[in-house]
N, C-alpha and C. Protein backbone atom coordinates (compact mmCIF):
# COMPACT_ATOMS: atom_id res chain seq x y z
N UNK A 1 4.74 29.33 -39.68
CA UNK A 1 3.82 29.74 -40.18
C UNK A 1 2.90 30.97 -39.26
N UNK A 2 2.15 30.27 -38.36
CA UNK A 2 1.50 30.79 -37.62
C UNK A 2 2.16 30.73 -36.10
N UNK A 3 2.66 31.72 -35.40
CA UNK A 3 3.34 31.85 -34.51
C UNK A 3 2.63 32.34 -33.46
N UNK A 4 1.91 31.23 -32.69
CA UNK A 4 0.90 31.66 -31.47
C UNK A 4 1.69 30.83 -30.44
N UNK A 5 1.47 31.77 -29.14
CA UNK A 5 2.21 31.37 -28.01
C UNK A 5 1.14 30.67 -27.23
N UNK A 6 1.53 30.00 -26.15
CA UNK A 6 0.65 28.90 -25.32
C UNK A 6 -0.51 29.99 -24.68
N UNK A 7 -0.46 31.19 -24.44
CA UNK A 7 -1.62 31.74 -23.91
C UNK A 7 -2.41 32.28 -25.10
N UNK A 8 -2.12 32.57 -25.98
CA UNK A 8 -2.98 32.63 -27.14
C UNK A 8 -3.70 31.37 -27.79
N UNK A 9 -3.08 30.46 -27.85
CA UNK A 9 -3.95 29.28 -27.93
C UNK A 9 -4.92 29.06 -27.01
N UNK A 10 -4.61 29.13 -25.89
CA UNK A 10 -5.33 28.73 -24.49
C UNK A 10 -6.77 29.68 -25.04
N UNK A 11 -6.45 31.04 -25.11
CA UNK A 11 -7.56 32.13 -25.46
C UNK A 11 -8.45 31.81 -26.49
N UNK A 12 -7.95 31.39 -27.65
CA UNK A 12 -8.66 30.88 -29.12
C UNK A 12 -9.50 29.76 -28.64
N UNK A 13 -8.85 28.63 -27.87
CA UNK A 13 -9.73 27.46 -27.28
C UNK A 13 -11.07 27.81 -26.61
N UNK A 14 -10.63 28.76 -25.47
CA UNK A 14 -12.01 29.31 -24.52
C UNK A 14 -12.83 30.16 -25.42
N UNK A 15 -12.64 30.77 -26.57
CA UNK A 15 -13.16 31.68 -27.44
C UNK A 15 -14.28 30.58 -28.22
N UNK A 16 -13.57 29.66 -28.72
CA UNK A 16 -14.23 28.57 -29.56
C UNK A 16 -15.38 27.94 -28.78
N UNK A 17 -14.98 27.47 -27.59
CA UNK A 17 -15.60 26.97 -26.75
C UNK A 17 -17.02 27.62 -26.35
N UNK A 18 -16.84 28.96 -25.93
CA UNK A 18 -17.99 30.06 -25.88
C UNK A 18 -19.02 30.09 -27.08
N UNK A 19 -18.32 30.13 -28.28
CA UNK A 19 -19.00 30.43 -29.55
C UNK A 19 -19.71 28.97 -30.21
N UNK A 20 -19.10 27.84 -29.97
CA UNK A 20 -19.30 26.84 -30.66
C UNK A 20 -19.98 25.79 -29.77
N UNK A 21 -19.65 25.89 -28.43
CA UNK A 21 -20.06 24.83 -27.43
C UNK A 21 -19.44 23.62 -27.45
N UNK A 22 -19.47 23.05 -26.38
CA UNK A 22 -18.87 21.60 -26.15
C UNK A 22 -18.82 20.58 -27.03
N UNK A 23 -20.35 20.58 -27.86
CA UNK A 23 -20.56 19.45 -28.77
C UNK A 23 -20.07 19.63 -29.90
N UNK A 24 -20.05 20.89 -30.43
CA UNK A 24 -19.21 21.13 -32.06
C UNK A 24 -17.49 21.34 -31.78
N UNK A 25 -17.31 21.73 -30.68
CA UNK A 25 -15.49 22.29 -30.70
C UNK A 25 -14.95 21.15 -31.07
N UNK A 26 -15.35 19.93 -30.68
CA UNK A 26 -13.97 19.10 -31.19
C UNK A 26 -14.32 18.46 -32.72
N UNK A 27 -14.97 18.33 -33.20
CA UNK A 27 -15.17 18.15 -34.77
C UNK A 27 -14.38 19.38 -35.45
N UNK A 28 -14.86 20.46 -35.03
CA UNK A 28 -14.40 21.82 -35.77
C UNK A 28 -12.92 21.64 -35.63
N UNK A 29 -12.22 21.43 -34.35
CA UNK A 29 -10.65 21.56 -34.33
C UNK A 29 -10.09 20.35 -35.07
N UNK A 30 -10.58 19.38 -35.22
CA UNK A 30 -10.35 18.19 -35.99
C UNK A 30 -10.15 18.81 -37.49
N UNK A 31 -11.47 19.25 -37.91
CA UNK A 31 -11.44 19.71 -39.19
C UNK A 31 -10.19 20.65 -39.49
N UNK A 32 -10.01 21.82 -38.44
CA UNK A 32 -9.25 22.67 -38.73
C UNK A 32 -7.45 21.77 -38.66
N UNK A 33 -7.46 20.89 -37.95
CA UNK A 33 -6.09 20.35 -38.00
C UNK A 33 -5.83 19.76 -39.25
N UNK A 34 -6.97 18.83 -39.80
CA UNK A 34 -6.99 18.53 -41.26
C UNK A 34 -6.49 19.48 -42.27
N UNK A 35 -7.49 20.73 -42.52
CA UNK A 35 -7.00 21.72 -43.28
C UNK A 35 -5.75 22.39 -43.13
N UNK A 36 -5.43 22.38 -41.94
CA UNK A 36 -3.88 23.07 -41.68
C UNK A 36 -2.75 21.85 -42.24
N UNK A 37 -3.09 20.62 -41.90
CA UNK A 37 -2.00 20.02 -42.62
C UNK A 37 -2.15 19.69 -43.98
N UNK A 38 -3.34 19.71 -44.57
CA UNK A 38 -3.15 19.76 -46.19
C UNK A 38 -2.32 21.08 -46.67
N UNK A 39 -2.71 22.31 -45.96
CA UNK A 39 -1.95 23.59 -46.27
C UNK A 39 -0.78 23.44 -46.39
N UNK A 40 0.04 22.71 -45.45
CA UNK A 40 1.46 22.22 -45.18
C UNK A 40 1.98 21.67 -46.24
N UNK A 41 1.20 20.71 -46.54
CA UNK A 41 1.35 19.57 -47.61
C UNK A 41 1.53 20.33 -48.89
N UNK A 42 0.62 21.24 -49.28
CA UNK A 42 0.60 21.77 -50.39
C UNK A 42 1.61 22.97 -50.36
N UNK A 43 1.88 23.92 -49.61
CA UNK A 43 3.31 24.81 -49.64
C UNK A 43 4.49 23.95 -49.83
N UNK A 44 4.68 22.61 -49.00
CA UNK A 44 6.02 22.04 -49.08
C UNK A 44 5.94 21.51 -50.38
N UNK A 45 5.00 21.01 -51.16
CA UNK A 45 5.21 20.67 -52.44
C UNK A 45 5.54 21.75 -53.42
N UNK A 46 4.67 22.86 -53.22
CA UNK A 46 5.12 24.12 -54.16
C UNK A 46 6.71 24.35 -53.87
N UNK A 47 7.18 24.58 -52.36
CA UNK A 47 8.61 24.96 -52.49
C UNK A 47 9.48 24.07 -53.07
N UNK A 48 9.09 22.65 -53.13
CA UNK A 48 10.07 21.71 -53.59
C UNK A 48 9.92 22.02 -55.05
N UNK A 49 9.01 22.13 -55.72
CA UNK A 49 9.00 22.18 -57.21
C UNK A 49 9.47 23.66 -57.66
N UNK A 50 9.41 24.66 -56.71
CA UNK A 50 10.07 25.83 -57.08
C UNK A 50 11.70 25.58 -57.24
N UNK A 51 12.01 25.02 -56.14
CA UNK A 51 13.54 24.68 -55.90
C UNK A 51 13.88 23.91 -57.06
N UNK A 52 13.14 22.79 -57.15
CA UNK A 52 13.49 22.12 -58.62
C UNK A 52 13.45 22.77 -59.83
N UNK A 53 12.77 23.69 -60.00
CA UNK A 53 12.64 24.49 -61.54
C UNK A 53 13.71 25.41 -61.32
N UNK A 54 14.40 25.82 -60.35
CA UNK A 54 15.26 27.04 -60.40
C UNK A 54 16.69 26.56 -59.98
N UNK A 55 16.68 25.29 -59.50
CA UNK A 55 17.90 24.75 -59.00
C UNK A 55 18.83 24.88 -60.09
N UNK A 56 18.76 24.27 -61.35
CA UNK A 56 19.58 24.47 -62.41
C UNK A 56 20.19 25.96 -63.09
N UNK A 57 19.16 26.57 -63.23
CA UNK A 57 19.58 27.71 -63.75
C UNK A 57 20.18 28.65 -62.61
N UNK A 58 20.28 28.35 -61.52
CA UNK A 58 20.72 29.16 -60.38
C UNK A 58 22.21 28.42 -60.30
N UNK A 59 22.13 27.25 -60.59
CA UNK A 59 23.73 26.68 -60.78
C UNK A 59 24.49 27.14 -61.79
N UNK A 60 24.04 26.91 -63.10
CA UNK A 60 24.57 27.76 -64.08
C UNK A 60 25.06 29.02 -64.10
N UNK A 61 24.26 29.98 -63.38
CA UNK A 61 24.37 31.49 -63.07
C UNK A 61 25.39 31.39 -62.41
N UNK A 62 25.53 30.64 -61.29
CA UNK A 62 26.83 30.68 -60.35
C UNK A 62 28.04 30.39 -61.06
N UNK A 63 28.07 29.41 -61.93
CA UNK A 63 29.20 28.82 -62.73
C UNK A 63 29.66 29.71 -63.34
N UNK A 64 28.79 30.59 -64.09
CA UNK A 64 29.12 31.68 -64.98
C UNK A 64 29.72 32.79 -64.20
N UNK A 65 29.18 33.13 -63.31
CA UNK A 65 29.80 34.11 -62.25
C UNK A 65 31.10 34.21 -61.76
N UNK A 66 31.22 32.55 -61.38
CA UNK A 66 32.48 31.91 -60.75
C UNK A 66 33.96 32.18 -62.03
N UNK A 67 33.23 31.82 -63.33
CA UNK A 67 34.03 31.67 -64.52
C UNK A 67 34.51 33.23 -64.76
N UNK A 68 33.47 34.32 -64.67
CA UNK A 68 33.98 35.39 -65.00
C UNK A 68 34.60 35.84 -63.74
N UNK A 69 34.75 35.68 -62.58
CA UNK A 69 35.44 35.87 -61.47
C UNK A 69 36.64 35.62 -61.71
N UNK A 70 37.10 34.26 -62.15
CA UNK A 70 38.07 33.83 -62.56
C UNK A 70 39.02 34.31 -63.52
N UNK A 71 38.09 34.59 -64.57
CA UNK A 71 38.98 35.48 -65.57
C UNK A 71 39.42 36.91 -65.21
N UNK A 72 38.64 37.76 -64.51
CA UNK A 72 39.09 39.04 -64.22
C UNK A 72 40.24 39.16 -63.10
N UNK A 73 40.13 38.03 -62.31
CA UNK A 73 41.24 37.82 -61.27
C UNK A 73 42.47 37.44 -62.31
N UNK A 74 42.43 36.73 -63.04
CA UNK A 74 43.66 36.27 -63.90
C UNK A 74 44.31 37.68 -64.52
N UNK A 75 43.23 37.97 -65.09
CA UNK A 75 43.61 39.26 -65.68
C UNK A 75 44.40 40.52 -64.91
N UNK A 76 43.83 40.39 -63.78
CA UNK A 76 44.06 41.61 -62.91
C UNK A 76 45.60 41.00 -62.39
N UNK A 77 45.85 40.14 -62.15
CA UNK A 77 47.19 39.42 -61.81
C UNK A 77 48.01 39.83 -62.71
N UNK A 78 47.78 39.26 -63.95
CA UNK A 78 48.84 39.75 -65.19
C UNK A 78 49.12 40.97 -65.29
N UNK A 79 48.00 41.79 -65.11
CA UNK A 79 48.20 43.59 -65.31
C UNK A 79 49.14 43.82 -64.35
N UNK A 80 49.11 43.16 -63.20
CA UNK A 80 49.86 43.90 -61.81
C UNK A 80 51.29 43.27 -62.19
N UNK A 81 51.40 42.22 -62.65
CA UNK A 81 52.73 41.30 -62.64
C UNK A 81 53.50 42.31 -63.56
N UNK A 82 52.68 42.79 -64.93
CA UNK A 82 53.32 43.57 -66.17
C UNK A 82 53.91 44.88 -65.41
N UNK A 83 53.18 45.21 -64.65
CA UNK A 83 53.28 46.57 -64.20
C UNK A 83 54.51 46.74 -63.27
N UNK A 84 54.59 45.70 -62.35
CA UNK A 84 55.79 45.41 -61.43
C UNK A 84 57.16 45.16 -62.41
N UNK A 85 56.75 44.73 -63.28
CA UNK A 85 58.04 44.35 -64.60
C UNK A 85 58.41 45.55 -65.12
N UNK A 86 57.55 46.18 -65.49
CA UNK A 86 57.89 47.76 -66.00
C UNK A 86 58.42 48.86 -65.16
N UNK A 87 57.75 48.48 -63.88
CA UNK A 87 58.59 49.47 -63.04
C UNK A 87 60.11 49.15 -62.58
N UNK A 88 60.20 47.59 -62.56
CA UNK A 88 61.47 47.06 -62.27
C UNK A 88 62.43 47.74 -63.40
N UNK A 89 61.95 47.55 -64.67
CA UNK A 89 62.83 47.98 -65.67
C UNK A 89 63.04 49.50 -65.68
N UNK A 90 62.22 50.21 -65.69
CA UNK A 90 62.35 51.65 -65.41
C UNK A 90 63.10 51.90 -64.15
N UNK A 91 63.29 51.21 -63.11
CA UNK A 91 63.89 51.55 -61.98
C UNK A 91 65.52 51.60 -62.22
N UNK A 92 65.79 50.20 -62.93
CA UNK A 92 67.07 49.99 -63.44
C UNK A 92 67.73 50.68 -64.60
N UNK A 93 66.87 51.27 -65.33
CA UNK A 93 67.32 51.95 -66.63
C UNK A 93 67.76 53.37 -65.82
N UNK A 94 66.95 53.64 -65.07
CA UNK A 94 67.08 55.48 -64.50
C UNK A 94 68.68 55.03 -63.39
N UNK A 95 68.83 53.95 -62.97
CA UNK A 95 70.11 53.78 -62.15
C UNK A 95 70.92 53.56 -62.91
N UNK A 96 70.78 52.85 -64.23
CA UNK A 96 72.00 52.89 -65.13
C UNK A 96 72.43 54.18 -65.94
N UNK A 97 71.44 54.94 -65.94
CA UNK A 97 71.67 56.32 -66.49
C UNK A 97 72.24 57.10 -65.53
N UNK A 98 71.70 57.01 -64.31
CA UNK A 98 72.87 57.85 -63.45
C UNK A 98 74.05 57.20 -63.25
N UNK A 99 74.58 56.17 -63.37
CA UNK A 99 75.78 55.79 -63.28
C UNK A 99 76.53 56.29 -64.37
N UNK A 100 76.30 56.03 -65.65
CA UNK A 100 76.88 56.32 -67.10
C UNK A 100 76.98 58.03 -66.94
N UNK A 101 75.80 58.67 -66.77
CA UNK A 101 76.15 60.18 -67.05
C UNK A 101 76.55 60.79 -65.62
N UNK A 102 77.60 61.27 -65.90
CA UNK A 102 77.96 62.09 -64.97
C UNK A 102 77.85 63.58 -65.00
N UNK A 103 77.23 64.20 -64.11
CA UNK A 103 76.81 65.49 -64.30
C UNK A 103 78.23 66.54 -64.31
N UNK A 104 78.22 67.44 -65.21
CA UNK A 104 79.39 68.14 -65.24
C UNK A 104 79.08 69.58 -64.57
N UNK A 105 80.16 70.22 -63.95
CA UNK A 105 80.03 71.26 -63.28
C UNK A 105 80.70 72.45 -64.19
N UNK A 106 80.14 73.29 -64.66
CA UNK A 106 80.94 74.31 -65.56
C UNK A 106 80.55 75.93 -64.78
N UNK A 107 81.72 76.19 -64.23
CA UNK A 107 81.35 77.47 -63.45
C UNK A 107 81.14 78.46 -64.28
N UNK A 108 80.50 79.50 -64.12
CA UNK A 108 80.14 80.88 -64.76
C UNK A 108 81.41 81.87 -64.67
N UNK A 109 81.78 82.01 -65.96
CA UNK A 109 83.01 82.95 -65.97
C UNK A 109 82.30 84.35 -66.50
N UNK A 110 82.38 85.24 -65.76
CA UNK A 110 81.97 86.40 -65.94
C UNK A 110 83.24 87.04 -66.94
N UNK A 111 82.85 88.16 -67.90
CA UNK A 111 83.88 88.71 -68.62
C UNK A 111 84.37 89.48 -67.88
N UNK A 112 85.70 89.72 -68.45
CA UNK A 112 86.51 90.86 -67.43
C UNK A 112 85.72 92.07 -67.71
N UNK A 113 85.62 93.15 -66.28
CA UNK A 113 85.29 94.45 -66.65
C UNK A 113 86.28 95.36 -66.99
N UNK A 114 85.81 96.12 -67.78
CA UNK A 114 87.00 97.11 -68.11
C UNK A 114 86.73 98.54 -67.42
N UNK A 115 87.38 98.90 -66.84
CA UNK A 115 86.97 100.20 -66.29
C UNK A 115 87.19 101.45 -67.32
N UNK A 116 85.87 102.27 -67.21
CA UNK A 116 85.75 103.28 -68.03
C UNK A 116 85.89 104.55 -67.42
N UNK A 117 86.70 105.53 -67.80
CA UNK A 117 86.64 106.80 -67.04
C UNK A 117 85.38 107.46 -66.96
N UNK A 118 84.84 107.81 -65.92
CA UNK A 118 83.74 108.32 -65.60
C UNK A 118 83.76 109.77 -64.93
N UNK A 119 83.04 110.73 -65.06
CA UNK A 119 83.08 111.89 -64.54
C UNK A 119 81.68 112.34 -63.64
N UNK A 120 81.58 113.19 -62.96
CA UNK A 120 80.61 113.35 -61.95
C UNK A 120 79.55 113.55 -62.69
N UNK A 121 79.61 114.19 -63.93
CA UNK A 121 78.37 114.73 -64.85
C UNK A 121 77.82 113.31 -65.23
N UNK A 122 78.51 112.24 -65.71
CA UNK A 122 77.96 110.93 -66.15
C UNK A 122 76.98 110.33 -64.95
N UNK A 123 77.40 110.66 -63.59
CA UNK A 123 76.70 109.80 -62.32
C UNK A 123 75.65 110.84 -61.90
N UNK A 124 75.46 111.78 -62.44
CA UNK A 124 74.52 112.78 -61.83
C UNK A 124 72.89 112.24 -61.89
N UNK A 125 71.97 112.63 -60.90
CA UNK A 125 70.82 112.23 -60.92
C UNK A 125 69.70 113.20 -61.58
N UNK A 126 70.34 114.54 -61.95
CA UNK A 126 69.54 115.63 -62.54
C UNK A 126 68.95 115.21 -63.86
N UNK A 127 67.66 115.37 -64.04
CA UNK A 127 67.20 115.31 -65.28
C UNK A 127 67.68 116.21 -66.34
N UNK A 128 68.04 115.72 -67.60
CA UNK A 128 68.47 116.31 -68.84
C UNK A 128 67.60 116.48 -69.97
N UNK A 129 67.44 118.04 -70.17
CA UNK A 129 66.75 118.22 -71.35
C UNK A 129 67.45 117.98 -72.63
N UNK A 130 66.72 117.15 -73.38
CA UNK A 130 67.26 117.02 -75.05
C UNK A 130 66.50 117.57 -76.14
N UNK A 131 67.32 118.58 -76.94
CA UNK A 131 66.59 118.98 -77.80
C UNK A 131 66.78 118.59 -78.97
N UNK A 132 65.86 118.61 -79.87
CA UNK A 132 65.94 118.12 -81.11
C UNK A 132 65.65 119.34 -82.21
N UNK A 133 66.31 119.37 -83.42
CA UNK A 133 66.19 119.96 -84.35
C UNK A 133 65.33 119.60 -85.44
N UNK A 134 64.23 120.66 -85.71
CA UNK A 134 62.98 119.85 -86.50
C UNK A 134 63.12 120.89 -87.44
N UNK A 135 62.63 120.38 -88.85
CA UNK A 135 62.42 121.39 -90.04
C UNK A 135 60.76 121.70 -89.86
N UNK A 136 60.73 123.09 -90.09
CA UNK A 136 59.27 123.70 -90.21
C UNK A 136 58.86 123.31 -91.76
N UNK A 137 57.81 123.06 -91.94
CA UNK A 137 57.02 122.78 -93.37
C UNK A 137 56.47 124.22 -93.60
N UNK A 138 57.18 125.01 -94.64
CA UNK A 138 56.56 126.17 -95.07
C UNK A 138 55.70 125.74 -96.39
């Protein structure tokens, strides 16, 4: 609890000797030792009571957490095995379908081209003006 090094303890003893004097220092140190022992006993008792009070609820919580972990692990394994099984069935089905259905190649046959007589006027790139007869309303 108190982390004093050797030099700090010597410094405190010298300070106590200067402040209290050689007659009062031994009884004060004895009394401080007794108080420190009582303090350690009280804190040790409190720790053991605390551990005793919370030990069973902590065990129950740990057991419940382990039970949930087991349930979720089992569910995860079951889902994984069903996924693998479905994947296997799908793969086998796809392989079977490839074996049963043979692709048929039907080449495209273009209709026969009939040659029509063409003239140079039909192939001309000049614009043609088309005139329409319209009735005039009178």
